C-alpha atoms as a PDB file:
ATOM      1  CA  MET A   1     120.581 -83.002 -18.044  1.00  0.00           C
ATOM      2  CA  LEU A   2     117.423 -80.871 -18.598  1.00  0.00           C
ATOM      3  CA  ARG A   3     117.764 -77.292 -19.053  1.00  0.00           C
ATOM      4  CA  PRO A   4     115.165 -75.598 -16.987  1.00  0.00           C
ATOM      5  CA  GLY A   5     115.785 -72.245 -18.448  1.00  0.00           C
ATOM      6  CA  GLU A   6     114.781 -73.375 -21.839  1.00  0.00           C
ATOM      7  CA  LEU A   7     111.380 -74.550 -21.195  1.00  0.00           C
ATOM      8  CA  PHE A   8     108.640 -75.089 -23.471  1.00  0.00           C
ATOM      9  CA  ILE A   9     106.306 -72.071 -24.064  1.00  0.00           C
ATOM     10  CA  VAL A  10     102.529 -72.016 -23.529  1.00  0.00           C
ATOM     11  CA  PRO A  11     101.215 -68.927 -25.343  1.00  0.00           C
ATOM     12  CA  GLY A  12      99.786 -66.449 -22.678  1.00  0.00           C
ATOM     13  CA  TYR A  13     101.112 -68.295 -19.850  1.00  0.00           C
ATOM     14  CA  PRO A  14     104.621 -67.908 -18.347  1.00  0.00           C
ATOM     15  CA  VAL A  15     106.191 -71.255 -17.546  1.00  0.00           C
ATOM     16  CA  ARG A  16     109.093 -71.771 -15.171  1.00  0.00           C
ATOM     17  CA  ALA A  17     110.726 -74.601 -13.227  1.00  0.00           C
ATOM     18  CA  LEU A  18     109.690 -74.584  -9.585  1.00  0.00           C
ATOM     19  CA  SER A  19     112.224 -74.822  -6.703  1.00  0.00           C
ATOM     20  CA  GLN A  20     112.283 -74.918  -2.982  1.00  0.00           C
ATOM     21  CA  ALA A  21     111.577 -71.187  -3.053  1.00  0.00           C
ATOM     22  CA  ASP A  22     108.108 -71.997  -4.614  1.00  0.00           C
ATOM     23  CA  ILE A  23     106.952 -74.322  -1.855  1.00  0.00           C
ATOM     24  CA  PRO A  24     104.617 -71.745  -0.126  1.00  0.00           C
ATOM     25  CA  PRO A  25     102.653 -70.884  -3.359  1.00  0.00           C
ATOM     26  CA  LEU A  26     102.780 -74.720  -4.584  1.00  0.00           C
ATOM     27  CA  GLN A  27     101.339 -75.735  -1.278  1.00  0.00           C
ATOM     28  CA  ALA A  28      98.495 -73.276  -1.575  1.00  0.00           C
ATOM     29  CA  PHE A  29      98.072 -74.261  -5.177  1.00  0.00           C
ATOM     30  CA  TYR A  30      97.570 -77.991  -4.101  1.00  0.00           C
ATOM     31  CA  GLU A  31      95.266 -77.029  -1.208  1.00  0.00           C
ATOM     32  CA  ALA A  32      92.995 -75.153  -3.850  1.00  0.00           C
ATOM     33  CA  CYS A  33      93.035 -78.486  -5.873  1.00  0.00           C
ATOM     34  CA  ALA A  34      91.600 -80.395  -2.774  1.00  0.00           C
ATOM     35  CA  ASP A  35      89.243 -82.090  -5.069  1.00  0.00           C
ATOM     36  CA  TYR A  36      92.010 -83.894  -6.808  1.00  0.00           C
ATOM     37  CA  SER A  37      93.614 -84.940  -3.577  1.00  0.00           C
ATOM     38  CA  LEU A  38      90.373 -86.258  -2.221  1.00  0.00           C
ATOM     39  CA  LEU A  39      89.570 -88.306  -5.335  1.00  0.00           C
ATOM     40  CA  VAL A  40      93.039 -89.780  -5.696  1.00  0.00           C
ATOM     41  CA  ASP A  41      94.521 -89.821  -2.000  1.00  0.00           C
ATOM     42  CA  GLY A  42      91.231 -89.876  -0.181  1.00  0.00           C
ATOM     43  CA  TYR A  43      91.962 -86.916   2.156  1.00  0.00           C
ATOM     44  CA  LEU A  44      92.725 -83.388   1.814  1.00  0.00           C
ATOM     45  CA  PRO A  45      96.188 -82.142   0.915  1.00  0.00           C
ATOM     46  CA  ARG A  46      98.449 -82.425   3.987  1.00  0.00           C
ATOM     47  CA  PRO A  47     101.157 -80.013   5.093  1.00  0.00           C
ATOM     48  CA  GLY A  48     104.295 -80.853   3.284  1.00  0.00           C
ATOM     49  CA  ALA A  49     102.422 -81.965   0.088  1.00  0.00           C
ATOM     50  CA  ALA A  50     104.374 -79.338  -2.001  1.00  0.00           C
ATOM     51  CA  VAL A  51     107.611 -80.644  -0.799  1.00  0.00           C
ATOM     52  CA  SER A  52     106.658 -84.199  -1.864  1.00  0.00           C
ATOM     53  CA  LEU A  53     105.527 -83.119  -5.213  1.00  0.00           C
ATOM     54  CA  LEU A  54     108.864 -81.063  -5.442  1.00  0.00           C
ATOM     55  CA  THR A  55     111.207 -84.023  -4.500  1.00  0.00           C
ATOM     56  CA  GLU A  56     109.694 -87.364  -5.087  1.00  0.00           C
ATOM     57  CA  ARG A  57     111.073 -89.325  -8.100  1.00  0.00           C
ATOM     58  CA  PRO A  58     111.694 -92.784  -8.912  1.00  0.00           C
ATOM     59  CA  PRO A  59     114.537 -94.028  -6.787  1.00  0.00           C
ATOM     60  CA  GLU A  60     116.687 -94.885  -9.589  1.00  0.00           C
ATOM     61  CA  LYS A  61     116.364 -91.320 -11.028  1.00  0.00           C
ATOM     62  CA  SER A  62     118.482 -88.211 -10.060  1.00  0.00           C
ATOM     63  CA  VAL A  63     117.348 -84.939  -9.470  1.00  0.00           C
ATOM     64  CA  ASP A  64     118.583 -83.734 -12.828  1.00  0.00           C
ATOM     65  CA  ASP A  65     115.952 -86.035 -14.596  1.00  0.00           C
ATOM     66  CA  LYS A  66     113.053 -84.529 -12.650  1.00  0.00           C
ATOM     67  CA  LEU A  67     111.450 -81.243 -13.637  1.00  0.00           C
ATOM     68  CA  LEU A  68     108.338 -79.738 -12.016  1.00  0.00           C
ATOM     69  CA  VAL A  69     106.977 -76.759 -13.962  1.00  0.00           C
ATOM     70  CA  GLY A  70     104.738 -74.070 -12.948  1.00  0.00           C
ATOM     71  CA  ILE A  71     102.252 -72.656 -15.400  1.00  0.00           C
ATOM     72  CA  TYR A  72     101.181 -69.050 -14.461  1.00  0.00           C
ATOM     73  CA  LEU A  73      98.445 -66.342 -15.348  1.00  0.00           C
ATOM     74  CA  PRO A  74     100.432 -63.219 -15.555  1.00  0.00           C
ATOM     75  CA  PRO A  75     101.748 -61.652 -13.629  1.00  0.00           C
ATOM     76  CA  ASN A  76     102.231 -64.298 -11.091  1.00  0.00           C
ATOM     77  CA  THR A  77      99.360 -66.569 -10.312  1.00  0.00           C
ATOM     78  CA  LEU A  78     100.185 -70.362 -10.223  1.00  0.00           C
ATOM     79  CA  VAL A  79      97.346 -72.056 -12.290  1.00  0.00           C
ATOM     80  CA  GLY A  80      99.000 -75.363 -13.134  1.00  0.00           C
ATOM     81  CA  VAL A  81     101.740 -77.682 -12.588  1.00  0.00           C
ATOM     82  CA  LEU A  82     103.512 -80.439 -14.737  1.00  0.00           C
ATOM     83  CA  ASP A  83     105.808 -82.992 -13.122  1.00  0.00           C
ATOM     84  CA  VAL A  84     107.950 -85.006 -15.457  1.00  0.00           C
ATOM     85  CA  VAL A  85     110.845 -87.480 -15.215  1.00  0.00           C
ATOM     86  CA  LYS A  86     113.010 -87.895 -18.274  1.00  0.00           C
ATOM     87  CA  ASP A  87     114.346 -91.363 -19.534  1.00  0.00           C
ATOM     88  CA  TYR A  88     111.690 -93.179 -17.304  1.00  0.00           C
ATOM     89  CA  PRO A  89     111.046 -95.932 -17.257  1.00  0.00           C
ATOM     90  CA  MET A  90     113.484 -96.501 -20.273  1.00  0.00           C
ATOM     91  CA  ALA A  91     115.638 -94.077 -22.116  1.00  0.00           C
ATOM     92  CA  ALA A  92     113.885 -91.969 -24.395  1.00  0.00           C
ATOM     93  CA  ASP A  93     110.617 -92.160 -22.405  1.00  0.00           C
ATOM     94  CA  TRP A  94     109.228 -89.336 -20.439  1.00  0.00           C
ATOM     95  CA  TRP A  95     107.030 -89.805 -17.513  1.00  0.00           C
ATOM     96  CA  ILE A  96     104.130 -87.464 -16.618  1.00  0.00           C
ATOM     97  CA  GLY A  97     103.623 -87.804 -12.969  1.00  0.00           C
ATOM     98  CA  LEU A  98     101.094 -85.168 -12.753  1.00  0.00           C
ATOM     99  CA  LEU A  99      99.384 -82.551 -14.812  1.00  0.00           C
ATOM    100  CA  LEU A 100      97.111 -80.522 -12.530  1.00  0.00           C
ATOM    101  CA  LEU A 101      95.273 -77.270 -13.145  1.00  0.00           C
ATOM    102  CA  ALA A 102      93.336 -75.055 -10.693  1.00  0.00           C
ATOM    103  CA  PRO A 103      89.866 -76.036 -10.791  1.00  0.00           C
ATOM    104  CA  GLN A 104      88.557 -72.806 -12.623  1.00  0.00           C
ATOM    105  CA  TYR A 105      91.003 -73.429 -15.400  1.00  0.00           C
ATOM    106  CA  ARG A 106      89.937 -77.023 -16.293  1.00  0.00           C
ATOM    107  CA  GLY A 107      88.002 -77.905 -19.341  1.00  0.00           C
ATOM    108  CA  LYS A 108      89.013 -74.706 -21.040  1.00  0.00           C
ATOM    109  CA  GLY A 109      91.851 -75.971 -23.412  1.00  0.00           C
ATOM    110  CA  LEU A 110      94.840 -74.969 -21.082  1.00  0.00           C
ATOM    111  CA  GLY A 111      95.610 -78.632 -20.481  1.00  0.00           C
ATOM    112  CA  HIS A 112      95.786 -79.281 -24.148  1.00  0.00           C
ATOM    113  CA  LYS A 113      98.034 -76.273 -24.752  1.00  0.00           C
ATOM    114  CA  ILE A 114     100.391 -77.286 -22.162  1.00  0.00           C
ATOM    115  CA  PHE A 115     100.658 -80.893 -23.254  1.00  0.00           C
ATOM    116  CA  HIS A 116     101.109 -79.887 -26.896  1.00  0.00           C
ATOM    117  CA  SER A 117     103.847 -77.338 -25.964  1.00  0.00           C
ATOM    118  CA  PHE A 118     105.441 -79.895 -23.811  1.00  0.00           C
ATOM    119  CA  ARG A 119     105.209 -82.621 -26.431  1.00  0.00           C
ATOM    120  CA  LYS A 120     107.031 -80.351 -28.868  1.00  0.00           C
ATOM    121  CA  TRP A 121     109.748 -79.690 -26.314  1.00  0.00           C
ATOM    122  CA  VAL A 122     110.622 -83.243 -25.429  1.00  0.00           C
ATOM    123  CA  ILE A 123     111.155 -84.014 -29.093  1.00  0.00           C
ATOM    124  CA  GLN A 124     114.278 -81.870 -28.731  1.00  0.00           C
ATOM    125  CA  TYR A 125     115.539 -84.402 -26.047  1.00  0.00           C
ATOM    126  CA  GLY A 126     114.931 -87.501 -28.161  1.00  0.00           C
ATOM    127  CA  ALA A 127     111.742 -88.473 -26.768  1.00  0.00           C
ATOM    128  CA  LYS A 128     110.015 -91.449 -28.472  1.00  0.00           C
ATOM    129  CA  ARG A 129     107.280 -92.015 -25.938  1.00  0.00           C
ATOM    130  CA  ILE A 130     105.198 -90.030 -23.185  1.00  0.00           C
ATOM    131  CA  LEU A 131     103.916 -92.201 -20.525  1.00  0.00           C
ATOM    132  CA  LEU A 132     101.735 -91.707 -17.382  1.00  0.00           C
ATOM    133  CA  GLY A 133      99.487 -93.463 -14.895  1.00  0.00           C
ATOM    134  CA  VAL A 134      95.798 -92.386 -14.197  1.00  0.00           C
ATOM    135  CA  VAL A 135      93.503 -93.700 -11.676  1.00  0.00           C
ATOM    136  CA  GLU A 136      90.535 -95.444 -13.226  1.00  0.00           C
ATOM    137  CA  THR A 137      87.941 -93.255 -11.064  1.00  0.00           C
ATOM    138  CA  ASN A 138      89.533 -90.018 -12.294  1.00  0.00           C
ATOM    139  CA  GLU A 139      87.359 -90.375 -15.474  1.00  0.00           C
ATOM    140  CA  ASN A 140      87.843 -86.643 -16.620  1.00  0.00           C
ATOM    141  CA  ALA A 141      91.655 -87.367 -16.546  1.00  0.00           C
ATOM    142  CA  VAL A 142      91.174 -90.684 -18.489  1.00  0.00           C
ATOM    143  CA  ARG A 143      89.158 -88.952 -21.280  1.00  0.00           C
ATOM    144  CA  PHE A 144      91.607 -85.986 -21.431  1.00  0.00           C
ATOM    145  CA  TRP A 145      94.532 -88.214 -22.007  1.00  0.00           C
ATOM    146  CA  GLN A 146      92.633 -90.530 -24.639  1.00  0.00           C
ATOM    147  CA  SER A 147      91.721 -87.112 -26.480  1.00  0.00           C
ATOM    148  CA  GLU A 148      95.478 -86.206 -26.624  1.00  0.00           C
ATOM    149  CA  GLY A 149      96.123 -89.619 -28.283  1.00  0.00           C
ATOM    150  CA  PHE A 150      97.080 -91.746 -25.349  1.00  0.00           C
ATOM    151  CA  ILE A 151      96.329 -95.507 -25.526  1.00  0.00           C
ATOM    152  CA  GLU A 152      95.962 -97.780 -22.611  1.00  0.00           C
ATOM    153  CA  LEU A 153      98.910-100.257 -21.971  1.00  0.00           C
ATOM    154  CA  GLU A 154      97.865-101.941 -18.808  1.00  0.00           C
ATOM    155  CA  ARG A 155      95.781-101.700 -15.577  1.00  0.00           C
ATOM    156  CA  GLN A 156      97.162-102.554 -12.195  1.00  0.00           C
ATOM    157  CA  PRO A 157      95.886-102.472  -8.647  1.00  0.00           C
ATOM    158  CA  GLY A 158      97.518 -99.783  -6.563  1.00  0.00           C
ATOM    159  CA  LYS A 159      97.190 -97.935  -3.310  1.00  0.00           C
ATOM    160  CA  ILE A 160      97.625 -94.045  -3.329  1.00  0.00           C
ATOM    161  CA  GLY A 161      97.251 -92.411  -0.112  1.00  0.00           C
ATOM    162  CA  ASP A 162      94.268 -94.036   1.687  1.00  0.00           C
ATOM    163  CA  LEU A 163      92.621 -95.420  -1.323  1.00  0.00           C
ATOM    164  CA  SER A 164      92.989 -98.420  -3.486  1.00  0.00           C
ATOM    165  CA  HIS A 165      92.687 -97.869  -7.163  1.00  0.00           C
ATOM    166  CA  ILE A 166      92.889 -99.506 -10.536  1.00  0.00           C
ATOM    167  CA  VAL A 167      95.904 -97.357 -12.198  1.00  0.00           C
ATOM    168  CA  ILE A 168      95.819 -97.257 -15.990  1.00  0.00           C
ATOM    169  CA  THR A 169      99.350 -96.911 -17.603  1.00  0.00           C
ATOM    170  CA  MET A 170      98.940 -94.933 -20.746  1.00  0.00           C
ATOM    171  CA  GLU A 171     101.350 -94.056 -23.578  1.00  0.00           C
ATOM    172  CA  HIS A 172     101.731 -91.575 -26.290  1.00  0.00           C
ATOM    173  CA  GLU A 173     104.153 -92.314 -29.141  1.00  0.00           C
ATOM    174  CA  VAL A 174     106.097 -89.138 -30.279  1.00  0.00           C
ATOM    175  CA  HIS A 175     106.421 -88.590 -33.935  1.00  0.00           C
ATOM    176  CA  GLU A 176     108.280 -85.512 -34.954  1.00  0.00           C
ATOM    177  CA  ALA A 177     106.633 -85.419 -38.204  1.00  0.00           C
ATOM    178  CA  GLY A 178     103.350 -85.106 -36.195  1.00  0.00           C
ATOM    179  CA  ILE A 179     104.345 -81.851 -34.453  1.00  0.00           C
ATOM    180  CA  ASP A 180     101.446 -79.430 -34.810  1.00  0.00           C
END
């Protein structure tokens, strides 16, 4: 089981597990990231997007395996979210469902800080690989994940929201000796 009270630390940005109580600010955050929703879903964020983000997980995984983390600018401004599932698709794998930053915080190194802090943290849970899927048309995300050492495993057609995409599955092998 995950210990959300013992999350990774991103210097200068409070980090905490999100819950049902966080749905209103999470929905507002997602609406502020409408460019992402348009690119991936083909429409603006819908009411209930925050609930979906908080609750959706692979059917074979329990709520104890999913963690939605909020990254804040002090004192309490949500500037990023990280959605992860432990032991998916296999034991010792961690699946990143989403790393999304508010538009004004992109391209400034915060994503790098979050990923590297997260990477160090998952080693404590025996992680061997971190995986994710990114739509091919999200070129900035593809470049970001490649710069973090992710390699492409496969490309598959898929439908997200109203759009058909090529989804790139990427992997990052976790090596404890490589902790920076």
